[in-house]
């Protein structure tokens, strides 16, 4: 495997490597405990411009019903009551701007849609690696995250859960993309 050394070598169109990507979240529950979870079904693509990162962009589509917290009853409640997955099966993110803020760090602004509500967010990302795999395909990895307020997207079940579940959730992204030929 070869490690990439110049940003211009990263330029190209990519698809999400779903086997090596984790889309997760953390939210506080009663008494300060944290509930961690992930989404298992998603797809996405990106265009990276190593010479001018502002020309880069990405999109992500997550199937809301694929939520997993290792508790079947909670997963069903999150899917049906909190995310209203039957009426709004997809959670989407579409970037609108990419700013390089450090040597390997970026702010990716975009539109996040949950429960049919679209709001702007800025996700902080760090480029964590780039290398050719055994087949010669270029894989690039990023780690990122953003904290959102659930109420901005109407992600709540009832008044009781407003008090039992923290108002904020941290979205955590460990992303791997594969450059397309």
N, C-alpha and C. Protein backbone atom coordinates (compact mmCIF):
# COMPACT_ATOMS: atom_id res chain seq x y z
N UNK A 1 0.84 -1.18 0.00
CA UNK A 1 0.00 0.00 0.00
C UNK A 1 0.88 1.24 0.00
N UNK A 2 0.44 2.25 -0.72
CA UNK A 2 1.21 3.48 -0.84
C UNK A 2 0.45 4.62 -0.19
N UNK A 3 1.11 5.37 0.66
CA UNK A 3 0.49 6.52 1.30
C UNK A 3 0.63 7.72 0.38
N UNK A 4 -0.45 8.49 0.22
CA UNK A 4 -0.44 9.67 -0.63
C UNK A 4 0.21 10.82 0.14
N UNK A 5 0.98 11.62 -0.58
CA UNK A 5 1.68 12.71 0.10
C UNK A 5 1.24 14.09 -0.34
N UNK A 6 0.61 14.23 -1.50
CA UNK A 6 0.18 15.55 -1.95
C UNK A 6 -1.32 15.59 -2.14
N UNK A 7 -1.95 16.69 -1.72
CA UNK A 7 -3.42 16.79 -1.85
C UNK A 7 -3.91 16.66 -3.29
N UNK A 8 -3.13 17.14 -4.26
CA UNK A 8 -3.59 17.06 -5.65
C UNK A 8 -3.78 15.62 -6.11
N UNK A 9 -3.06 14.68 -5.50
CA UNK A 9 -3.21 13.26 -5.85
C UNK A 9 -4.57 12.70 -5.43
N UNK A 10 -5.29 13.41 -4.57
CA UNK A 10 -6.59 12.94 -4.08
C UNK A 10 -7.75 13.34 -4.97
N UNK A 11 -7.52 14.23 -5.92
CA UNK A 11 -8.60 14.74 -6.76
C UNK A 11 -9.29 13.61 -7.50
N UNK A 12 -10.64 13.63 -7.47
CA UNK A 12 -11.41 12.63 -8.19
C UNK A 12 -12.79 12.44 -7.60
N UNK A 13 -13.55 11.55 -8.23
CA UNK A 13 -14.89 11.20 -7.76
C UNK A 13 -14.80 9.90 -6.96
N UNK A 14 -15.53 9.86 -5.86
CA UNK A 14 -15.46 8.75 -4.92
C UNK A 14 -16.85 8.23 -4.56
N UNK A 15 -16.91 6.97 -4.15
CA UNK A 15 -18.12 6.41 -3.55
C UNK A 15 -17.77 5.96 -2.13
N UNK A 16 -18.77 5.97 -1.29
CA UNK A 16 -18.60 5.57 0.10
C UNK A 16 -18.30 4.08 0.18
N UNK A 17 -17.31 3.72 0.95
CA UNK A 17 -16.99 2.33 1.23
C UNK A 17 -17.79 1.96 2.48
N UNK A 18 -18.97 1.40 2.26
CA UNK A 18 -19.88 1.15 3.38
C UNK A 18 -19.36 0.10 4.36
N UNK A 19 -18.47 -0.76 3.92
CA UNK A 19 -17.91 -1.78 4.81
C UNK A 19 -16.90 -1.18 5.79
N UNK A 20 -16.33 -0.03 5.45
CA UNK A 20 -15.30 0.58 6.30
C UNK A 20 -15.73 1.94 6.85
N UNK A 21 -17.00 2.25 6.71
CA UNK A 21 -17.54 3.53 7.20
C UNK A 21 -18.46 3.28 8.37
N UNK A 22 -18.40 4.16 9.37
CA UNK A 22 -19.31 4.10 10.52
C UNK A 22 -20.00 5.44 10.65
N UNK A 23 -21.34 5.40 10.66
CA UNK A 23 -22.15 6.59 10.88
C UNK A 23 -22.81 6.37 12.24
N UNK A 24 -22.35 7.09 13.25
CA UNK A 24 -22.83 6.86 14.60
C UNK A 24 -23.34 8.11 15.27
N UNK A 25 -23.82 7.92 16.50
CA UNK A 25 -24.32 9.05 17.29
C UNK A 25 -24.18 8.73 18.76
N UNK A 26 -24.18 9.79 19.57
CA UNK A 26 -24.17 9.68 21.02
C UNK A 26 -25.18 10.68 21.54
N UNK A 27 -26.04 10.23 22.46
CA UNK A 27 -27.01 11.12 23.10
C UNK A 27 -27.08 10.79 24.58
N UNK A 28 -27.31 11.80 25.38
CA UNK A 28 -27.46 11.57 26.83
C UNK A 28 -28.86 11.06 27.13
N UNK A 29 -28.92 10.18 28.10
CA UNK A 29 -30.19 9.64 28.58
C UNK A 29 -30.30 10.00 30.06
N UNK A 30 -31.36 9.56 30.67
CA UNK A 30 -31.61 9.86 32.07
C UNK A 30 -30.39 9.61 32.93
N UNK A 31 -30.21 10.43 33.92
CA UNK A 31 -29.14 10.30 34.90
C UNK A 31 -27.75 10.47 34.29
N UNK A 32 -27.66 11.09 33.13
CA UNK A 32 -26.36 11.41 32.56
C UNK A 32 -25.68 10.29 31.80
N UNK A 33 -26.31 9.11 31.70
CA UNK A 33 -25.69 8.04 30.92
C UNK A 33 -25.75 8.39 29.44
N UNK A 34 -24.89 7.79 28.67
CA UNK A 34 -24.86 8.04 27.23
C UNK A 34 -25.35 6.81 26.49
N UNK A 35 -26.13 7.06 25.46
CA UNK A 35 -26.55 5.99 24.56
C UNK A 35 -25.79 6.20 23.26
N UNK A 36 -25.09 5.16 22.86
CA UNK A 36 -24.36 5.19 21.59
C UNK A 36 -25.08 4.30 20.59
N UNK A 37 -25.06 4.73 19.36
CA UNK A 37 -25.70 3.93 18.32
C UNK A 37 -25.07 4.21 16.98
N UNK A 38 -25.62 3.55 15.98
CA UNK A 38 -25.12 3.70 14.63
C UNK A 38 -26.25 3.43 13.65
N UNK A 39 -25.99 3.77 12.40
CA UNK A 39 -26.88 3.42 11.31
C UNK A 39 -26.15 2.40 10.45
N UNK A 40 -26.86 1.35 10.04
CA UNK A 40 -26.22 0.26 9.31
C UNK A 40 -26.40 0.33 7.80
N UNK A 41 -27.39 1.10 7.31
CA UNK A 41 -27.64 1.14 5.87
C UNK A 41 -27.53 2.58 5.40
N UNK A 42 -26.57 2.82 4.50
CA UNK A 42 -26.34 4.17 3.98
C UNK A 42 -25.55 4.07 2.69
N UNK A 43 -25.55 5.17 1.95
CA UNK A 43 -24.77 5.27 0.73
C UNK A 43 -24.36 6.72 0.54
N UNK A 44 -23.33 6.92 -0.25
CA UNK A 44 -22.91 8.29 -0.47
C UNK A 44 -21.84 8.39 -1.53
N UNK A 45 -21.54 9.63 -1.87
CA UNK A 45 -20.50 9.89 -2.85
C UNK A 45 -19.84 11.23 -2.52
N UNK A 46 -18.69 11.45 -3.13
CA UNK A 46 -17.96 12.70 -2.91
C UNK A 46 -17.14 13.03 -4.14
N UNK A 47 -16.89 14.30 -4.30
CA UNK A 47 -15.90 14.77 -5.27
C UNK A 47 -14.86 15.51 -4.45
N UNK A 48 -13.61 15.06 -4.53
CA UNK A 48 -12.52 15.72 -3.83
C UNK A 48 -11.67 16.47 -4.84
N UNK A 49 -11.36 17.71 -4.52
CA UNK A 49 -10.46 18.51 -5.34
C UNK A 49 -9.28 18.89 -4.45
N UNK A 50 -8.19 18.14 -4.56
CA UNK A 50 -7.03 18.35 -3.71
C UNK A 50 -6.35 19.69 -3.94
N UNK A 51 -6.46 20.24 -5.14
CA UNK A 51 -5.86 21.53 -5.44
C UNK A 51 -6.68 22.70 -4.95
N UNK A 52 -8.00 22.52 -4.89
CA UNK A 52 -8.91 23.58 -4.44
C UNK A 52 -10.05 22.92 -3.67
N UNK A 53 -9.85 22.64 -2.37
CA UNK A 53 -10.87 21.94 -1.58
C UNK A 53 -12.25 22.60 -1.63
N UNK A 54 -12.32 23.90 -1.90
CA UNK A 54 -13.63 24.57 -1.97
C UNK A 54 -14.48 24.03 -3.12
N UNK A 55 -13.86 23.35 -4.07
CA UNK A 55 -14.59 22.74 -5.18
C UNK A 55 -15.01 21.31 -4.88
N UNK A 56 -14.74 20.84 -3.67
CA UNK A 56 -15.11 19.49 -3.24
C UNK A 56 -16.56 19.48 -2.78
N UNK A 57 -17.15 18.30 -2.70
CA UNK A 57 -18.52 18.17 -2.22
C UNK A 57 -18.84 16.74 -1.88
N UNK A 58 -19.94 16.55 -1.14
CA UNK A 58 -20.33 15.21 -0.73
C UNK A 58 -21.83 15.13 -0.54
N UNK A 59 -22.33 13.92 -0.63
CA UNK A 59 -23.73 13.65 -0.29
C UNK A 59 -23.79 12.31 0.44
N UNK A 60 -24.76 12.20 1.34
CA UNK A 60 -24.95 11.00 2.15
C UNK A 60 -26.43 10.75 2.33
N UNK A 61 -26.85 9.49 2.16
CA UNK A 61 -28.23 9.09 2.41
C UNK A 61 -28.21 7.93 3.39
N UNK A 62 -28.93 8.08 4.51
CA UNK A 62 -28.99 7.07 5.56
C UNK A 62 -30.41 6.56 5.66
N UNK A 63 -30.59 5.26 5.76
CA UNK A 63 -31.92 4.69 5.98
C UNK A 63 -32.24 4.75 7.47
N UNK A 64 -33.23 5.54 7.84
CA UNK A 64 -33.55 5.79 9.25
C UNK A 64 -33.88 4.51 10.01
N UNK A 65 -34.50 3.55 9.34
CA UNK A 65 -34.87 2.29 10.02
C UNK A 65 -33.66 1.43 10.37
N UNK A 66 -32.49 1.79 9.87
CA UNK A 66 -31.31 0.96 10.12
C UNK A 66 -30.61 1.33 11.43
N UNK A 67 -31.26 2.12 12.27
CA UNK A 67 -30.68 2.56 13.54
C UNK A 67 -30.45 1.36 14.46
N UNK A 68 -29.29 1.34 15.12
CA UNK A 68 -28.92 0.23 16.01
C UNK A 68 -28.29 0.79 17.29
N UNK A 69 -28.85 0.38 18.44
CA UNK A 69 -28.27 0.77 19.73
C UNK A 69 -28.02 -0.45 20.62
N UNK A 70 -28.16 -1.63 20.07
CA UNK A 70 -28.04 -2.90 20.79
C UNK A 70 -29.18 -3.12 21.78
N UNK A 71 -30.32 -2.47 21.51
CA UNK A 71 -31.52 -2.67 22.31
C UNK A 71 -32.70 -2.60 21.34
N UNK A 72 -33.28 -3.77 21.03
CA UNK A 72 -34.32 -3.85 20.00
C UNK A 72 -35.52 -2.95 20.28
N UNK A 73 -35.98 -2.90 21.52
CA UNK A 73 -37.13 -2.06 21.86
C UNK A 73 -36.79 -0.57 21.66
N UNK A 74 -35.63 -0.16 22.12
CA UNK A 74 -35.22 1.23 21.94
C UNK A 74 -35.04 1.56 20.46
N UNK A 75 -34.45 0.63 19.69
CA UNK A 75 -34.27 0.86 18.26
C UNK A 75 -35.61 1.08 17.57
N UNK A 76 -36.60 0.29 17.93
CA UNK A 76 -37.94 0.45 17.33
C UNK A 76 -38.55 1.80 17.70
N UNK A 77 -38.41 2.21 18.97
CA UNK A 77 -38.93 3.51 19.38
C UNK A 77 -38.20 4.66 18.68
N UNK A 78 -36.88 4.57 18.58
CA UNK A 78 -36.12 5.61 17.89
C UNK A 78 -36.52 5.70 16.43
N UNK A 79 -36.66 4.56 15.79
CA UNK A 79 -37.02 4.52 14.37
C UNK A 79 -38.42 5.06 14.13
N UNK A 80 -39.39 4.53 14.88
CA UNK A 80 -40.78 4.90 14.61
C UNK A 80 -41.21 6.20 15.27
N UNK A 81 -40.89 6.38 16.53
CA UNK A 81 -41.38 7.55 17.27
C UNK A 81 -40.50 8.79 17.10
N UNK A 82 -39.20 8.62 17.23
CA UNK A 82 -38.31 9.78 17.17
C UNK A 82 -38.02 10.20 15.72
N UNK A 83 -37.68 9.23 14.87
CA UNK A 83 -37.29 9.55 13.50
C UNK A 83 -38.44 9.47 12.50
N UNK A 84 -39.58 8.91 12.92
CA UNK A 84 -40.74 8.79 12.04
C UNK A 84 -40.33 8.18 10.69
N UNK A 85 -39.62 7.05 10.77
CA UNK A 85 -39.02 6.43 9.59
C UNK A 85 -40.03 5.95 8.56
N UNK A 86 -41.24 5.60 8.97
CA UNK A 86 -42.23 5.18 7.97
C UNK A 86 -42.61 6.35 7.05
N UNK A 87 -42.72 7.54 7.61
CA UNK A 87 -43.06 8.72 6.82
C UNK A 87 -41.83 9.39 6.20
N UNK A 88 -40.68 9.25 6.85
CA UNK A 88 -39.44 9.89 6.40
C UNK A 88 -38.31 8.86 6.45
N UNK A 89 -38.26 7.98 5.45
CA UNK A 89 -37.32 6.86 5.51
C UNK A 89 -35.85 7.24 5.39
N UNK A 90 -35.55 8.41 4.85
CA UNK A 90 -34.14 8.76 4.63
C UNK A 90 -33.73 9.99 5.43
N UNK A 91 -32.52 9.93 5.94
CA UNK A 91 -31.83 11.07 6.53
C UNK A 91 -30.76 11.42 5.49
N UNK A 92 -30.69 12.69 5.09
CA UNK A 92 -29.75 13.05 4.04
C UNK A 92 -28.87 14.23 4.45
N UNK A 93 -27.69 14.26 3.87
CA UNK A 93 -26.78 15.39 4.01
C UNK A 93 -26.23 15.69 2.62
N UNK A 94 -26.31 16.95 2.22
CA UNK A 94 -25.75 17.40 0.96
C UNK A 94 -24.89 18.62 1.25
N UNK A 95 -23.62 18.53 0.91
CA UNK A 95 -22.72 19.65 1.19
C UNK A 95 -23.01 20.82 0.26
N UNK A 96 -22.73 22.02 0.78
CA UNK A 96 -22.86 23.23 -0.04
C UNK A 96 -21.56 24.03 -0.08
N UNK A 97 -20.64 23.75 0.85
CA UNK A 97 -19.35 24.45 0.88
C UNK A 97 -18.34 23.63 1.67
N UNK A 98 -17.09 23.68 1.22
CA UNK A 98 -15.99 23.02 1.91
C UNK A 98 -14.89 24.05 2.11
N UNK A 99 -14.47 24.21 3.36
CA UNK A 99 -13.39 25.13 3.68
C UNK A 99 -12.26 24.36 4.35
N UNK A 100 -11.05 24.52 3.85
CA UNK A 100 -9.89 23.93 4.50
C UNK A 100 -9.46 24.89 5.60
N UNK A 101 -9.42 24.39 6.85
CA UNK A 101 -9.10 25.25 7.99
C UNK A 101 -7.76 24.91 8.64
N UNK A 102 -7.15 23.84 8.18
CA UNK A 102 -5.84 23.42 8.67
C UNK A 102 -5.21 22.53 7.62
N UNK A 103 -4.04 22.03 7.92
CA UNK A 103 -3.34 21.20 6.94
C UNK A 103 -4.17 19.99 6.51
N UNK A 104 -4.84 19.34 7.49
CA UNK A 104 -5.65 18.16 7.19
C UNK A 104 -7.07 18.28 7.74
N UNK A 105 -7.50 19.48 8.07
CA UNK A 105 -8.83 19.66 8.65
C UNK A 105 -9.70 20.54 7.76
N UNK A 106 -10.99 20.24 7.77
CA UNK A 106 -11.95 20.88 6.88
C UNK A 106 -13.26 21.12 7.62
N UNK A 107 -13.96 22.17 7.22
CA UNK A 107 -15.33 22.41 7.65
C UNK A 107 -16.21 22.20 6.42
N UNK A 108 -17.14 21.26 6.54
CA UNK A 108 -18.04 20.95 5.44
C UNK A 108 -19.44 21.42 5.83
N UNK A 109 -19.89 22.49 5.20
CA UNK A 109 -21.22 23.02 5.46
C UNK A 109 -22.19 22.36 4.50
N UNK A 110 -23.39 22.11 5.01
CA UNK A 110 -24.38 21.48 4.15
C UNK A 110 -25.76 21.46 4.77
N UNK A 111 -26.67 20.84 4.04
CA UNK A 111 -28.05 20.72 4.47
C UNK A 111 -28.30 19.32 5.00
N UNK A 112 -28.73 19.24 6.25
CA UNK A 112 -29.07 17.97 6.89
C UNK A 112 -30.59 17.88 6.98
N UNK A 113 -31.14 16.79 6.43
CA UNK A 113 -32.59 16.59 6.44
C UNK A 113 -32.91 15.38 7.31
N UNK A 114 -33.72 15.62 8.35
CA UNK A 114 -34.20 14.57 9.25
C UNK A 114 -35.70 14.81 9.43
N UNK A 115 -36.50 13.76 9.33
CA UNK A 115 -37.96 13.87 9.48
C UNK A 115 -38.57 14.89 8.51
N UNK A 116 -37.96 15.05 7.34
CA UNK A 116 -38.48 15.98 6.35
C UNK A 116 -38.13 17.43 6.61
N UNK A 117 -37.36 17.70 7.66
CA UNK A 117 -36.95 19.06 8.01
C UNK A 117 -35.49 19.23 7.61
N UNK A 118 -35.19 20.29 6.86
CA UNK A 118 -33.84 20.56 6.40
C UNK A 118 -33.29 21.78 7.12
N UNK A 119 -32.11 21.60 7.71
CA UNK A 119 -31.42 22.68 8.43
C UNK A 119 -29.95 22.66 8.04
N UNK A 120 -29.30 23.83 8.08
CA UNK A 120 -27.86 23.86 7.80
C UNK A 120 -27.05 23.37 8.99
N UNK A 121 -25.96 22.66 8.69
CA UNK A 121 -25.00 22.23 9.70
C UNK A 121 -23.60 22.36 9.11
N UNK A 122 -22.61 22.44 9.99
CA UNK A 122 -21.22 22.41 9.55
C UNK A 122 -20.53 21.28 10.28
N UNK A 123 -20.03 20.34 9.51
CA UNK A 123 -19.37 19.16 10.05
C UNK A 123 -17.86 19.38 9.98
N UNK A 124 -17.19 19.19 11.11
CA UNK A 124 -15.72 19.27 11.16
C UNK A 124 -15.15 17.91 10.76
N UNK A 125 -14.25 17.92 9.79
CA UNK A 125 -13.62 16.69 9.32
C UNK A 125 -12.11 16.80 9.38
N UNK A 126 -11.48 15.65 9.60
CA UNK A 126 -10.03 15.54 9.53
C UNK A 126 -9.69 14.45 8.54
N UNK A 127 -8.80 14.74 7.61
CA UNK A 127 -8.28 13.74 6.69
C UNK A 127 -7.35 12.84 7.50
N UNK A 128 -7.68 11.54 7.60
CA UNK A 128 -6.90 10.65 8.45
C UNK A 128 -6.02 9.68 7.67
N UNK A 129 -6.24 9.56 6.36
CA UNK A 129 -5.39 8.67 5.59
C UNK A 129 -5.78 8.63 4.13
N UNK A 130 -4.83 8.21 3.32
CA UNK A 130 -5.05 8.00 1.89
C UNK A 130 -4.01 6.99 1.42
N UNK A 131 -4.48 5.90 0.83
CA UNK A 131 -3.54 4.89 0.35
C UNK A 131 -4.19 4.02 -0.71
N UNK A 132 -3.35 3.39 -1.48
CA UNK A 132 -3.83 2.43 -2.47
C UNK A 132 -4.01 1.08 -1.79
N UNK A 133 -5.15 0.44 -2.08
CA UNK A 133 -5.36 -0.89 -1.52
C UNK A 133 -4.67 -1.93 -2.40
N UNK A 134 -4.85 -3.18 -2.09
CA UNK A 134 -4.15 -4.26 -2.80
C UNK A 134 -4.55 -4.37 -4.27
N UNK A 135 -5.75 -3.87 -4.59
CA UNK A 135 -6.21 -3.90 -5.98
C UNK A 135 -5.79 -2.64 -6.74
N UNK A 136 -5.15 -1.71 -6.04
CA UNK A 136 -4.71 -0.48 -6.67
C UNK A 136 -5.70 0.67 -6.56
N UNK A 137 -6.86 0.42 -5.92
CA UNK A 137 -7.85 1.48 -5.74
C UNK A 137 -7.40 2.45 -4.65
N UNK A 138 -7.62 3.73 -4.87
CA UNK A 138 -7.27 4.73 -3.87
C UNK A 138 -8.40 4.85 -2.85
N UNK A 139 -8.08 4.70 -1.58
CA UNK A 139 -9.03 4.86 -0.48
C UNK A 139 -8.58 6.04 0.36
N UNK A 140 -9.53 6.90 0.68
CA UNK A 140 -9.26 8.07 1.50
C UNK A 140 -10.17 7.99 2.72
N UNK A 141 -9.63 8.30 3.89
CA UNK A 141 -10.42 8.21 5.12
C UNK A 141 -10.47 9.56 5.82
N UNK A 142 -11.62 9.80 6.44
CA UNK A 142 -11.88 11.03 7.19
C UNK A 142 -12.56 10.66 8.50
N UNK A 143 -12.35 11.49 9.50
CA UNK A 143 -13.08 11.39 10.77
C UNK A 143 -13.73 12.75 11.00
N UNK A 144 -15.00 12.72 11.41
CA UNK A 144 -15.68 14.00 11.61
C UNK A 144 -16.84 13.89 12.56
N UNK A 145 -17.45 15.04 12.81
CA UNK A 145 -18.61 15.05 13.68
C UNK A 145 -19.21 16.43 13.81
N UNK A 146 -20.42 16.43 14.35
CA UNK A 146 -21.15 17.67 14.60
C UNK A 146 -22.16 17.39 15.71
N UNK A 147 -22.39 18.37 16.55
CA UNK A 147 -23.42 18.27 17.59
C UNK A 147 -24.64 19.03 17.11
N UNK A 148 -25.80 18.36 17.18
CA UNK A 148 -27.05 18.99 16.74
C UNK A 148 -28.04 19.01 17.89
N UNK A 149 -28.99 19.90 17.80
CA UNK A 149 -30.10 19.97 18.75
C UNK A 149 -31.27 19.20 18.14
N UNK A 150 -31.71 18.16 18.81
CA UNK A 150 -32.78 17.31 18.29
C UNK A 150 -34.04 18.11 17.96
N UNK A 151 -34.34 19.12 18.76
CA UNK A 151 -35.57 19.88 18.57
C UNK A 151 -35.58 20.64 17.24
N UNK A 152 -34.41 20.98 16.71
CA UNK A 152 -34.36 21.68 15.43
C UNK A 152 -34.99 20.86 14.31
N UNK A 153 -34.96 19.54 14.44
CA UNK A 153 -35.54 18.65 13.44
C UNK A 153 -36.81 17.95 13.94
N UNK A 154 -37.31 18.33 15.10
CA UNK A 154 -38.52 17.71 15.64
C UNK A 154 -38.31 16.26 16.06
N UNK A 155 -37.08 15.92 16.42
CA UNK A 155 -36.77 14.54 16.82
C UNK A 155 -37.10 14.38 18.30
N UNK A 156 -38.34 14.01 18.55
CA UNK A 156 -38.81 13.81 19.91
C UNK A 156 -40.05 12.94 19.85
N UNK A 157 -40.36 12.28 20.93
CA UNK A 157 -41.53 11.43 20.96
C UNK A 157 -42.66 12.13 21.70
N UNK A 158 -42.41 12.52 22.94
CA UNK A 158 -43.45 13.17 23.73
C UNK A 158 -42.78 14.01 24.82
N UNK A 159 -43.58 14.63 25.67
CA UNK A 159 -43.05 15.52 26.71
C UNK A 159 -42.13 14.76 27.67
N UNK A 160 -42.51 13.55 28.03
CA UNK A 160 -41.69 12.77 28.97
C UNK A 160 -40.30 12.49 28.41
N UNK A 161 -40.23 12.18 27.11
CA UNK A 161 -38.92 11.90 26.54
C UNK A 161 -38.09 13.16 26.37
N UNK A 162 -38.73 14.31 26.33
CA UNK A 162 -37.97 15.56 26.28
C UNK A 162 -37.11 15.71 27.52
N UNK A 163 -37.62 15.26 28.66
CA UNK A 163 -36.89 15.35 29.92
C UNK A 163 -35.91 14.19 30.09
N UNK A 164 -36.23 13.02 29.56
CA UNK A 164 -35.42 11.83 29.76
C UNK A 164 -34.23 11.72 28.81
N UNK A 165 -34.34 12.37 27.66
CA UNK A 165 -33.29 12.28 26.65
C UNK A 165 -32.69 13.66 26.45
N UNK A 166 -31.38 13.75 26.42
CA UNK A 166 -30.70 15.03 26.24
C UNK A 166 -31.16 15.75 24.98
N UNK A 167 -31.10 17.06 25.01
CA UNK A 167 -31.58 17.85 23.88
C UNK A 167 -30.61 17.82 22.70
N UNK A 168 -29.39 17.43 22.94
CA UNK A 168 -28.39 17.42 21.88
C UNK A 168 -27.93 16.00 21.59
N UNK A 169 -27.52 15.79 20.36
CA UNK A 169 -26.95 14.51 19.94
C UNK A 169 -25.68 14.81 19.16
N UNK A 170 -24.69 13.99 19.34
CA UNK A 170 -23.42 14.13 18.61
C UNK A 170 -23.42 13.11 17.49
N UNK A 171 -23.29 13.57 16.25
CA UNK A 171 -23.17 12.69 15.11
C UNK A 171 -21.68 12.46 14.87
N UNK A 172 -21.29 11.19 14.75
CA UNK A 172 -19.89 10.81 14.59
C UNK A 172 -19.72 10.06 13.28
N UNK A 173 -18.75 10.49 12.49
CA UNK A 173 -18.55 9.91 11.17
C UNK A 173 -17.10 9.45 11.00
N UNK A 174 -16.93 8.17 10.75
CA UNK A 174 -15.64 7.61 10.34
C UNK A 174 -15.88 7.13 8.92
N UNK A 175 -15.35 7.86 7.96
CA UNK A 175 -15.71 7.68 6.56
C UNK A 175 -14.52 7.18 5.75
N UNK A 176 -14.80 6.19 4.90
CA UNK A 176 -13.83 5.72 3.92
C UNK A 176 -14.49 5.82 2.54
N UNK A 177 -13.77 6.41 1.60
CA UNK A 177 -14.27 6.52 0.23
C UNK A 177 -13.27 5.90 -0.74
N UNK A 178 -13.78 5.40 -1.87
CA UNK A 178 -12.96 4.75 -2.88
C UNK A 178 -13.07 5.55 -4.18
N UNK A 179 -11.91 5.93 -4.73
CA UNK A 179 -11.93 6.70 -5.97
C UNK A 179 -12.40 5.82 -7.12
N UNK A 180 -13.27 6.40 -7.94
CA UNK A 180 -13.81 5.70 -9.10
C UNK A 180 -12.90 5.92 -10.31
N UNK A 181 -12.78 4.89 -11.12
CA UNK A 181 -11.90 4.96 -12.30
C UNK A 181 -12.45 5.91 -13.34
